[in-house]
Amino acid sequence: MLRGSKVGLRARHEDDIPILQAELHDDVVNHSRSDGAPWRPITPGSEGSQFAVDDKEQRLVPFSVVELDGGTLAGTAALWGIDNHNRSAHIGLGLLPSSRGKGYGTDVVAVLCHYGFVVRGLHRLQIETLSDNAAMLRSAERNGFVREGVLRSAAWVMGEFMDEVLLGLLAEEWKANSKG
């Protein structure tokens, strides 16, 4: 398990999937805000769940987020779109409603940066988030991510187009600003 100060990132367990499915995917508004694809219902136990893990997939590394005090499931996190040639990847996370507002997002981003830069040897990490997602913007910027641009009207969310903010962090920036 990778450990932060408040949360750990571990392999996805089979019994995590129904909880993540019910609390993240089945919330239509939350899912629509966090996924570039339109929401659709998924049958419980289906292999079509976004939370099911394919250990052979090389461009995605999914984690379950757990509280260090007690091991309670707190959400999901991932490095996705991993590009080994350009040594880059994207960061994504989703916290269960009961785990929001506790500083876990900032800790998850920090642990994913450690994993990406130290364990995987990546050069660049990137985050895309809706422009009104203050919690994700804060978590990213507290970890040294820099706003690189705004993708105007790039996301179709619940009947309207919304702007996305693009943030990036390079390995040397992260090393200079962290205990690494």
N, C-alpha and C. Protein backbone atom coordinates (compact mmCIF):
# COMPACT_ATOMS: atom_id res chain seq x y z
N MET A 1 0.86 -1.18 0.00
CA MET A 1 0.00 0.00 0.00
C MET A 1 0.90 1.24 0.00
N LEU A 2 0.48 2.24 -0.76
CA LEU A 2 1.14 3.54 -0.75
C LEU A 2 0.46 4.38 0.32
N ARG A 3 1.25 5.04 1.15
CA ARG A 3 0.68 5.78 2.29
C ARG A 3 0.93 7.27 2.19
N GLY A 4 -0.11 8.03 2.48
CA GLY A 4 0.00 9.47 2.64
C GLY A 4 -0.06 9.77 4.13
N SER A 5 -0.45 10.97 4.48
CA SER A 5 -0.58 11.31 5.89
C SER A 5 -1.95 10.91 6.45
N LYS A 6 -2.99 10.87 5.59
CA LYS A 6 -4.34 10.55 6.04
C LYS A 6 -4.92 9.31 5.37
N VAL A 7 -4.48 9.04 4.13
CA VAL A 7 -5.06 7.94 3.36
C VAL A 7 -3.97 7.06 2.77
N GLY A 8 -4.38 5.86 2.41
CA GLY A 8 -3.51 4.95 1.68
C GLY A 8 -4.16 4.58 0.37
N LEU A 9 -3.34 4.21 -0.59
CA LEU A 9 -3.82 3.72 -1.88
C LEU A 9 -3.41 2.26 -1.98
N ARG A 10 -4.42 1.40 -2.17
CA ARG A 10 -4.15 -0.03 -2.26
C ARG A 10 -4.86 -0.59 -3.47
N ALA A 11 -4.56 -1.86 -3.76
CA ALA A 11 -5.23 -2.55 -4.86
C ALA A 11 -6.73 -2.58 -4.59
N ARG A 12 -7.50 -2.57 -5.66
CA ARG A 12 -8.96 -2.66 -5.56
C ARG A 12 -9.35 -4.05 -5.11
N HIS A 13 -10.18 -4.14 -4.09
CA HIS A 13 -10.72 -5.41 -3.63
C HIS A 13 -12.10 -5.61 -4.24
N GLU A 14 -12.46 -6.84 -4.45
CA GLU A 14 -13.76 -7.15 -5.06
C GLU A 14 -14.91 -6.52 -4.28
N ASP A 15 -14.81 -6.51 -2.93
CA ASP A 15 -15.91 -5.96 -2.14
C ASP A 15 -15.93 -4.42 -2.13
N ASP A 16 -14.91 -3.76 -2.72
CA ASP A 16 -14.94 -2.30 -2.89
C ASP A 16 -15.90 -1.91 -4.01
N ILE A 17 -16.02 -2.77 -5.02
CA ILE A 17 -16.72 -2.41 -6.25
C ILE A 17 -18.19 -2.04 -6.01
N PRO A 18 -18.98 -2.83 -5.26
CA PRO A 18 -20.38 -2.43 -5.07
C PRO A 18 -20.53 -1.10 -4.33
N ILE A 19 -19.61 -0.79 -3.42
CA ILE A 19 -19.68 0.48 -2.68
C ILE A 19 -19.36 1.64 -3.63
N LEU A 20 -18.29 1.51 -4.39
CA LEU A 20 -17.92 2.56 -5.34
C LEU A 20 -19.01 2.73 -6.38
N GLN A 21 -19.57 1.62 -6.84
CA GLN A 21 -20.65 1.67 -7.82
C GLN A 21 -21.85 2.43 -7.28
N ALA A 22 -22.27 2.11 -6.05
CA ALA A 22 -23.47 2.72 -5.48
C ALA A 22 -23.25 4.20 -5.13
N GLU A 23 -22.07 4.52 -4.59
CA GLU A 23 -21.88 5.88 -4.07
C GLU A 23 -21.26 6.86 -5.07
N LEU A 24 -20.59 6.34 -6.10
CA LEU A 24 -19.99 7.23 -7.09
C LEU A 24 -20.68 7.12 -8.45
N HIS A 25 -20.78 5.92 -8.98
CA HIS A 25 -21.37 5.78 -10.32
C HIS A 25 -22.87 6.04 -10.32
N ASP A 26 -23.60 5.47 -9.37
CA ASP A 26 -25.05 5.57 -9.39
C ASP A 26 -25.56 6.97 -9.04
N ASP A 27 -24.70 7.86 -8.60
CA ASP A 27 -25.04 9.27 -8.41
C ASP A 27 -24.85 9.94 -9.78
N VAL A 28 -25.94 10.12 -10.50
CA VAL A 28 -25.89 10.56 -11.90
C VAL A 28 -25.17 11.90 -12.04
N VAL A 29 -25.48 12.85 -11.17
CA VAL A 29 -24.85 14.18 -11.27
C VAL A 29 -23.35 14.08 -11.02
N ASN A 30 -22.95 13.39 -9.95
CA ASN A 30 -21.53 13.23 -9.64
C ASN A 30 -20.80 12.54 -10.79
N HIS A 31 -21.36 11.46 -11.29
CA HIS A 31 -20.72 10.74 -12.39
C HIS A 31 -20.61 11.62 -13.62
N SER A 32 -21.66 12.36 -13.92
CA SER A 32 -21.65 13.23 -15.10
C SER A 32 -20.60 14.32 -15.00
N ARG A 33 -20.31 14.75 -13.79
CA ARG A 33 -19.29 15.78 -13.58
C ARG A 33 -17.88 15.23 -13.63
N SER A 34 -17.72 13.93 -13.43
CA SER A 34 -16.38 13.37 -13.30
C SER A 34 -15.95 12.48 -14.46
N ASP A 35 -16.84 12.22 -15.39
CA ASP A 35 -16.51 11.30 -16.47
C ASP A 35 -16.84 11.95 -17.80
N GLY A 36 -16.00 11.77 -18.78
CA GLY A 36 -16.22 12.37 -20.08
C GLY A 36 -17.29 11.67 -20.91
N ALA A 37 -17.75 10.53 -20.45
CA ALA A 37 -18.78 9.79 -21.18
C ALA A 37 -20.13 10.00 -20.51
N PRO A 38 -21.21 9.85 -21.26
CA PRO A 38 -22.53 10.01 -20.64
C PRO A 38 -22.81 8.90 -19.63
N TRP A 39 -23.55 9.23 -18.59
CA TRP A 39 -23.93 8.25 -17.58
C TRP A 39 -24.87 7.24 -18.22
N ARG A 40 -24.71 5.99 -17.80
CA ARG A 40 -25.66 4.95 -18.16
C ARG A 40 -25.71 3.97 -17.01
N PRO A 41 -26.85 3.36 -16.78
CA PRO A 41 -26.94 2.41 -15.66
C PRO A 41 -26.10 1.17 -15.94
N ILE A 42 -25.50 0.64 -14.89
CA ILE A 42 -24.69 -0.57 -14.98
C ILE A 42 -25.30 -1.59 -14.01
N THR A 43 -25.52 -2.78 -14.48
CA THR A 43 -26.08 -3.85 -13.66
C THR A 43 -25.11 -4.19 -12.53
N PRO A 44 -25.59 -4.26 -11.28
CA PRO A 44 -24.70 -4.63 -10.17
C PRO A 44 -23.99 -5.96 -10.47
N GLY A 45 -22.69 -6.00 -10.19
CA GLY A 45 -21.89 -7.19 -10.43
C GLY A 45 -21.40 -7.33 -11.86
N SER A 46 -21.75 -6.38 -12.71
CA SER A 46 -21.37 -6.43 -14.12
C SER A 46 -19.88 -6.19 -14.29
N GLU A 47 -19.31 -6.87 -15.27
CA GLU A 47 -17.91 -6.62 -15.61
C GLU A 47 -17.76 -5.27 -16.31
N GLY A 48 -18.88 -4.66 -16.70
CA GLY A 48 -18.87 -3.37 -17.35
C GLY A 48 -18.66 -2.21 -16.39
N SER A 49 -18.56 -2.48 -15.11
CA SER A 49 -18.35 -1.41 -14.13
C SER A 49 -16.99 -0.76 -14.35
N GLN A 50 -16.96 0.56 -14.27
CA GLN A 50 -15.70 1.28 -14.39
C GLN A 50 -14.77 0.95 -13.23
N PHE A 51 -15.26 0.35 -12.18
CA PHE A 51 -14.46 0.04 -11.00
C PHE A 51 -13.86 -1.36 -11.03
N ALA A 52 -14.30 -2.19 -12.00
CA ALA A 52 -13.70 -3.51 -12.17
C ALA A 52 -12.28 -3.33 -12.69
N VAL A 53 -11.36 -4.13 -12.21
CA VAL A 53 -9.95 -3.96 -12.56
C VAL A 53 -9.52 -5.02 -13.56
N ASP A 54 -8.83 -4.56 -14.59
CA ASP A 54 -8.20 -5.44 -15.57
C ASP A 54 -6.70 -5.34 -15.34
N ASP A 55 -6.12 -6.31 -14.66
CA ASP A 55 -4.70 -6.25 -14.30
C ASP A 55 -3.77 -6.28 -15.51
N LYS A 56 -4.30 -6.60 -16.69
CA LYS A 56 -3.47 -6.62 -17.89
C LYS A 56 -3.39 -5.24 -18.56
N GLU A 57 -4.31 -4.35 -18.21
CA GLU A 57 -4.33 -3.00 -18.79
C GLU A 57 -3.11 -2.22 -18.32
N GLN A 58 -2.30 -1.75 -19.25
CA GLN A 58 -1.04 -1.08 -18.91
C GLN A 58 -1.16 0.44 -18.84
N ARG A 59 -2.22 1.02 -19.40
CA ARG A 59 -2.34 2.48 -19.42
C ARG A 59 -3.17 3.03 -18.26
N LEU A 60 -3.60 2.15 -17.37
CA LEU A 60 -4.43 2.55 -16.24
C LEU A 60 -3.98 1.81 -14.99
N VAL A 61 -3.74 2.56 -13.91
CA VAL A 61 -3.42 1.94 -12.62
C VAL A 61 -4.46 2.44 -11.62
N PRO A 62 -5.47 1.60 -11.33
CA PRO A 62 -6.52 2.00 -10.39
C PRO A 62 -6.17 1.62 -8.95
N PHE A 63 -6.57 2.46 -8.03
CA PHE A 63 -6.38 2.21 -6.61
C PHE A 63 -7.71 2.41 -5.89
N SER A 64 -7.85 1.75 -4.76
CA SER A 64 -8.89 2.11 -3.80
C SER A 64 -8.24 2.99 -2.76
N VAL A 65 -8.94 4.05 -2.37
CA VAL A 65 -8.45 4.97 -1.34
C VAL A 65 -9.05 4.51 -0.02
N VAL A 66 -8.19 4.34 1.00
CA VAL A 66 -8.67 3.93 2.32
C VAL A 66 -8.12 4.88 3.38
N GLU A 67 -8.91 5.09 4.41
CA GLU A 67 -8.45 5.89 5.54
C GLU A 67 -7.37 5.10 6.28
N LEU A 68 -6.30 5.77 6.66
CA LEU A 68 -5.24 5.07 7.40
C LEU A 68 -5.72 4.66 8.78
N ASP A 69 -6.55 5.49 9.40
CA ASP A 69 -7.13 5.13 10.70
C ASP A 69 -8.34 4.24 10.47
N GLY A 70 -8.14 2.94 10.52
CA GLY A 70 -9.25 2.00 10.43
C GLY A 70 -9.42 1.31 9.10
N GLY A 71 -8.83 1.82 8.03
CA GLY A 71 -8.91 1.14 6.74
C GLY A 71 -10.23 1.27 6.00
N THR A 72 -11.09 2.21 6.41
CA THR A 72 -12.39 2.39 5.75
C THR A 72 -12.20 2.87 4.32
N LEU A 73 -12.95 2.30 3.40
CA LEU A 73 -12.91 2.71 2.01
C LEU A 73 -13.36 4.17 1.91
N ALA A 74 -12.55 5.00 1.24
CA ALA A 74 -12.85 6.43 1.11
C ALA A 74 -13.09 6.85 -0.33
N GLY A 75 -12.71 6.00 -1.30
CA GLY A 75 -12.92 6.39 -2.69
C GLY A 75 -12.02 5.62 -3.64
N THR A 76 -11.79 6.25 -4.77
CA THR A 76 -11.01 5.65 -5.84
C THR A 76 -10.02 6.68 -6.38
N ALA A 77 -8.91 6.20 -6.89
CA ALA A 77 -7.89 7.07 -7.48
C ALA A 77 -7.20 6.30 -8.58
N ALA A 78 -6.61 7.03 -9.53
CA ALA A 78 -5.95 6.34 -10.64
C ALA A 78 -4.93 7.25 -11.32
N LEU A 79 -3.94 6.60 -11.89
CA LEU A 79 -3.15 7.19 -12.95
C LEU A 79 -3.73 6.58 -14.21
N TRP A 80 -4.09 7.40 -15.18
CA TRP A 80 -4.69 6.89 -16.40
C TRP A 80 -4.03 7.57 -17.60
N GLY A 81 -4.25 6.99 -18.76
CA GLY A 81 -3.64 7.52 -19.97
C GLY A 81 -2.12 7.52 -19.88
N ILE A 82 -1.58 6.50 -19.22
CA ILE A 82 -0.13 6.43 -19.03
C ILE A 82 0.55 6.27 -20.39
N ASP A 83 1.48 7.14 -20.65
CA ASP A 83 2.23 7.15 -21.90
C ASP A 83 3.70 6.93 -21.54
N ASN A 84 4.16 5.70 -21.71
CA ASN A 84 5.54 5.36 -21.32
C ASN A 84 6.58 6.03 -22.20
N HIS A 85 6.26 6.29 -23.46
CA HIS A 85 7.22 6.95 -24.34
C HIS A 85 7.47 8.39 -23.90
N ASN A 86 6.40 9.13 -23.66
CA ASN A 86 6.53 10.53 -23.24
C ASN A 86 6.63 10.69 -21.73
N ARG A 87 6.54 9.56 -21.03
CA ARG A 87 6.64 9.52 -19.57
C ARG A 87 5.66 10.48 -18.90
N SER A 88 4.39 10.34 -19.28
CA SER A 88 3.35 11.20 -18.74
C SER A 88 2.11 10.38 -18.40
N ALA A 89 1.25 10.97 -17.57
CA ALA A 89 -0.01 10.33 -17.21
C ALA A 89 -0.95 11.39 -16.66
N HIS A 90 -2.21 10.99 -16.52
CA HIS A 90 -3.24 11.84 -15.95
C HIS A 90 -3.60 11.31 -14.56
N ILE A 91 -4.04 12.21 -13.70
CA ILE A 91 -4.49 11.85 -12.35
C ILE A 91 -6.00 11.97 -12.30
N GLY A 92 -6.64 10.99 -11.66
CA GLY A 92 -8.07 11.06 -11.41
C GLY A 92 -8.39 10.52 -10.04
N LEU A 93 -9.43 11.07 -9.42
CA LEU A 93 -9.86 10.56 -8.12
C LEU A 93 -11.32 10.86 -7.90
N GLY A 94 -11.93 10.07 -7.05
CA GLY A 94 -13.31 10.26 -6.65
C GLY A 94 -13.47 9.83 -5.21
N LEU A 95 -13.91 10.74 -4.37
CA LEU A 95 -14.10 10.41 -2.95
C LEU A 95 -15.57 10.16 -2.67
N LEU A 96 -15.83 9.19 -1.82
CA LEU A 96 -17.19 8.92 -1.39
C LEU A 96 -17.74 10.15 -0.67
N PRO A 97 -19.04 10.40 -0.72
CA PRO A 97 -19.59 11.58 -0.06
C PRO A 97 -19.18 11.73 1.40
N SER A 98 -19.10 10.62 2.14
CA SER A 98 -18.74 10.69 3.56
C SER A 98 -17.27 11.02 3.78
N SER A 99 -16.46 10.99 2.73
CA SER A 99 -15.02 11.25 2.85
C SER A 99 -14.61 12.61 2.31
N ARG A 100 -15.56 13.38 1.85
CA ARG A 100 -15.24 14.70 1.29
C ARG A 100 -15.10 15.73 2.40
N GLY A 101 -14.28 16.74 2.12
CA GLY A 101 -14.11 17.84 3.07
C GLY A 101 -13.17 17.53 4.22
N LYS A 102 -12.39 16.47 4.12
CA LYS A 102 -11.49 16.05 5.20
C LYS A 102 -10.02 16.19 4.82
N GLY A 103 -9.74 16.78 3.67
CA GLY A 103 -8.36 16.92 3.21
C GLY A 103 -7.81 15.69 2.53
N TYR A 104 -8.66 14.70 2.28
CA TYR A 104 -8.20 13.47 1.66
C TYR A 104 -7.77 13.69 0.21
N GLY A 105 -8.46 14.58 -0.51
CA GLY A 105 -8.12 14.82 -1.91
C GLY A 105 -6.70 15.30 -2.08
N THR A 106 -6.28 16.24 -1.25
CA THR A 106 -4.91 16.74 -1.30
C THR A 106 -3.91 15.63 -1.02
N ASP A 107 -4.23 14.78 -0.06
CA ASP A 107 -3.36 13.66 0.28
C ASP A 107 -3.31 12.63 -0.85
N VAL A 108 -4.45 12.35 -1.48
CA VAL A 108 -4.48 11.41 -2.59
C VAL A 108 -3.61 11.91 -3.74
N VAL A 109 -3.74 13.20 -4.08
CA VAL A 109 -2.93 13.76 -5.16
C VAL A 109 -1.45 13.63 -4.82
N ALA A 110 -1.08 13.90 -3.57
CA ALA A 110 0.32 13.79 -3.15
C ALA A 110 0.83 12.37 -3.32
N VAL A 111 0.04 11.39 -2.93
CA VAL A 111 0.46 9.98 -3.04
C VAL A 111 0.55 9.56 -4.51
N LEU A 112 -0.39 10.02 -5.33
CA LEU A 112 -0.33 9.70 -6.76
C LEU A 112 0.90 10.35 -7.41
N CYS A 113 1.28 11.54 -6.96
CA CYS A 113 2.49 12.18 -7.48
C CYS A 113 3.72 11.34 -7.10
N HIS A 114 3.79 10.90 -5.86
CA HIS A 114 4.90 10.04 -5.44
C HIS A 114 4.95 8.78 -6.30
N TYR A 115 3.81 8.15 -6.48
CA TYR A 115 3.75 6.94 -7.29
C TYR A 115 4.20 7.23 -8.73
N GLY A 116 3.66 8.29 -9.31
CA GLY A 116 3.98 8.61 -10.70
C GLY A 116 5.44 8.99 -10.91
N PHE A 117 5.95 9.86 -10.06
CA PHE A 117 7.31 10.36 -10.27
C PHE A 117 8.39 9.43 -9.73
N VAL A 118 8.17 8.83 -8.56
CA VAL A 118 9.21 8.00 -7.93
C VAL A 118 9.11 6.54 -8.38
N VAL A 119 7.93 5.97 -8.26
CA VAL A 119 7.78 4.55 -8.57
C VAL A 119 7.80 4.30 -10.08
N ARG A 120 7.08 5.12 -10.83
CA ARG A 120 6.95 4.90 -12.29
C ARG A 120 7.98 5.67 -13.11
N GLY A 121 8.66 6.65 -12.52
CA GLY A 121 9.66 7.40 -13.26
C GLY A 121 9.08 8.32 -14.33
N LEU A 122 7.87 8.81 -14.11
CA LEU A 122 7.24 9.69 -15.07
C LEU A 122 7.85 11.09 -15.00
N HIS A 123 7.67 11.84 -16.06
CA HIS A 123 8.19 13.20 -16.15
C HIS A 123 7.11 14.25 -15.94
N ARG A 124 5.86 13.93 -16.32
CA ARG A 124 4.77 14.91 -16.25
C ARG A 124 3.48 14.23 -15.80
N LEU A 125 2.77 14.91 -14.90
CA LEU A 125 1.43 14.49 -14.51
C LEU A 125 0.48 15.63 -14.85
N GLN A 126 -0.74 15.26 -15.19
CA GLN A 126 -1.72 16.24 -15.65
C GLN A 126 -3.06 15.95 -15.00
N ILE A 127 -3.80 17.02 -14.73
CA ILE A 127 -5.15 16.92 -14.19
C ILE A 127 -6.05 17.81 -15.04
N GLU A 128 -7.20 17.28 -15.40
CA GLU A 128 -8.25 18.07 -16.01
C GLU A 128 -9.45 18.01 -15.08
N THR A 129 -10.03 19.18 -14.79
CA THR A 129 -11.19 19.20 -13.91
C THR A 129 -12.12 20.33 -14.32
N LEU A 130 -13.37 20.22 -13.97
CA LEU A 130 -14.31 21.29 -14.27
C LEU A 130 -13.89 22.57 -13.55
N SER A 131 -14.14 23.69 -14.18
CA SER A 131 -13.68 24.98 -13.64
C SER A 131 -14.34 25.33 -12.31
N ASP A 132 -15.47 24.72 -11.99
CA ASP A 132 -16.12 25.01 -10.70
C ASP A 132 -15.81 23.97 -9.63
N ASN A 133 -14.87 23.05 -9.91
CA ASN A 133 -14.50 22.03 -8.93
C ASN A 133 -13.40 22.58 -8.02
N ALA A 134 -13.81 23.44 -7.10
CA ALA A 134 -12.86 24.12 -6.21
C ALA A 134 -12.03 23.15 -5.39
N ALA A 135 -12.61 22.05 -4.95
CA ALA A 135 -11.88 21.09 -4.12
C ALA A 135 -10.73 20.46 -4.91
N MET A 136 -10.98 20.06 -6.15
CA MET A 136 -9.92 19.45 -6.95
C MET A 136 -8.86 20.47 -7.32
N LEU A 137 -9.28 21.68 -7.66
CA LEU A 137 -8.31 22.73 -7.99
C LEU A 137 -7.40 23.01 -6.80
N ARG A 138 -7.99 23.08 -5.61
CA ARG A 138 -7.20 23.30 -4.37
C ARG A 138 -6.23 22.15 -4.14
N SER A 139 -6.72 20.92 -4.26
CA SER A 139 -5.87 19.74 -4.04
C SER A 139 -4.70 19.73 -5.00
N ALA A 140 -4.96 20.04 -6.25
CA ALA A 140 -3.89 20.06 -7.26
C ALA A 140 -2.88 21.16 -6.95
N GLU A 141 -3.36 22.37 -6.71
CA GLU A 141 -2.45 23.50 -6.50
C GLU A 141 -1.66 23.36 -5.21
N ARG A 142 -2.23 22.77 -4.19
CA ARG A 142 -1.49 22.53 -2.94
C ARG A 142 -0.34 21.54 -3.16
N ASN A 143 -0.44 20.75 -4.20
CA ASN A 143 0.62 19.79 -4.53
C ASN A 143 1.55 20.31 -5.61
N GLY A 144 1.43 21.58 -5.97
CA GLY A 144 2.36 22.20 -6.90
C GLY A 144 1.92 22.24 -8.35
N PHE A 145 0.73 21.72 -8.66
CA PHE A 145 0.25 21.78 -10.04
C PHE A 145 0.03 23.23 -10.45
N VAL A 146 0.31 23.51 -11.71
CA VAL A 146 0.19 24.85 -12.27
C VAL A 146 -0.95 24.83 -13.29
N ARG A 147 -1.80 25.87 -13.23
CA ARG A 147 -2.86 26.00 -14.23
C ARG A 147 -2.21 26.36 -15.56
N GLU A 148 -2.43 25.49 -16.54
CA GLU A 148 -1.82 25.69 -17.85
C GLU A 148 -2.80 26.22 -18.88
N GLY A 149 -4.07 26.12 -18.58
CA GLY A 149 -5.05 26.64 -19.53
C GLY A 149 -6.46 26.26 -19.18
N VAL A 150 -7.38 26.86 -19.92
CA VAL A 150 -8.80 26.56 -19.78
C VAL A 150 -9.29 26.06 -21.13
N LEU A 151 -9.94 24.93 -21.10
CA LEU A 151 -10.57 24.38 -22.29
C LEU A 151 -12.03 24.86 -22.27
N ARG A 152 -12.30 25.89 -23.06
CA ARG A 152 -13.61 26.54 -23.01
C ARG A 152 -14.71 25.62 -23.53
N SER A 153 -15.79 25.52 -22.77
CA SER A 153 -16.97 24.73 -23.15
C SER A 153 -16.59 23.34 -23.64
N ALA A 154 -15.67 22.69 -22.94
CA ALA A 154 -15.14 21.40 -23.38
C ALA A 154 -15.90 20.20 -22.82
N ALA A 155 -16.71 20.40 -21.81
CA ALA A 155 -17.38 19.27 -21.15
C ALA A 155 -18.90 19.47 -21.17
N TRP A 156 -19.59 18.47 -21.67
CA TRP A 156 -21.06 18.48 -21.65
C TRP A 156 -21.49 17.84 -20.34
N VAL A 157 -22.09 18.63 -19.45
CA VAL A 157 -22.45 18.16 -18.12
C VAL A 157 -23.89 18.53 -17.82
N MET A 158 -24.72 17.52 -17.72
CA MET A 158 -26.11 17.69 -17.30
C MET A 158 -26.82 18.84 -18.05
N GLY A 159 -26.69 18.84 -19.36
CA GLY A 159 -27.44 19.77 -20.18
C GLY A 159 -26.77 21.09 -20.51
N GLU A 160 -25.50 21.24 -20.13
CA GLU A 160 -24.80 22.48 -20.48
C GLU A 160 -23.31 22.20 -20.68
N PHE A 161 -22.69 23.06 -21.48
CA PHE A 161 -21.25 22.97 -21.66
C PHE A 161 -20.56 23.71 -20.53
N MET A 162 -19.48 23.14 -20.03
CA MET A 162 -18.70 23.75 -18.96
C MET A 162 -17.24 23.81 -19.36
N ASP A 163 -16.54 24.77 -18.79
CA ASP A 163 -15.10 24.89 -19.00
C ASP A 163 -14.36 23.85 -18.16
N GLU A 164 -13.23 23.38 -18.70
CA GLU A 164 -12.33 22.52 -17.95
C GLU A 164 -11.01 23.26 -17.76
N VAL A 165 -10.42 23.06 -16.58
CA VAL A 165 -9.11 23.63 -16.30
C VAL A 165 -8.08 22.52 -16.46
N LEU A 166 -6.99 22.84 -17.14
CA LEU A 166 -5.89 21.92 -17.36
C LEU A 166 -4.75 22.33 -16.44
N LEU A 167 -4.28 21.38 -15.62
CA LEU A 167 -3.18 21.63 -14.69
C LEU A 167 -2.07 20.63 -14.95
N GLY A 168 -0.82 21.05 -14.80
CA GLY A 168 0.30 20.15 -15.02
C GLY A 168 1.36 20.30 -13.95
N LEU A 169 2.12 19.25 -13.77
CA LEU A 169 3.23 19.24 -12.81
C LEU A 169 4.34 18.39 -13.41
N LEU A 170 5.56 18.94 -13.41
CA LEU A 170 6.74 18.22 -13.90
C LEU A 170 7.50 17.62 -12.73
N ALA A 171 8.21 16.55 -13.00
CA ALA A 171 8.94 15.84 -11.94
C ALA A 171 9.90 16.76 -11.20
N GLU A 172 10.64 17.59 -11.93
CA GLU A 172 11.61 18.46 -11.26
C GLU A 172 10.94 19.51 -10.38
N GLU A 173 9.76 19.98 -10.77
CA GLU A 173 8.99 20.92 -9.93
C GLU A 173 8.54 20.23 -8.65
N TRP A 174 8.04 19.00 -8.81
CA TRP A 174 7.57 18.25 -7.65
C TRP A 174 8.72 17.97 -6.69
N LYS A 175 9.87 17.54 -7.20
CA LYS A 175 11.02 17.25 -6.36
C LYS A 175 11.50 18.49 -5.62
N ALA A 176 11.48 19.63 -6.29
CA ALA A 176 11.95 20.88 -5.68
C ALA A 176 11.01 21.34 -4.55
N ASN A 177 9.74 20.96 -4.63
CA ASN A 177 8.76 21.45 -3.65
C ASN A 177 8.28 20.40 -2.67
N SER A 178 8.85 19.21 -2.71
CA SER A 178 8.37 18.17 -1.80
C SER A 178 9.54 17.49 -1.11
N LYS A 179 9.19 16.67 -0.17
CA LYS A 179 10.19 15.86 0.53
C LYS A 179 10.55 14.65 -0.34
N GLY A 180 9.72 14.49 -1.43
CA GLY A 180 9.95 13.46 -2.44
C GLY A 180 10.23 12.12 -1.92
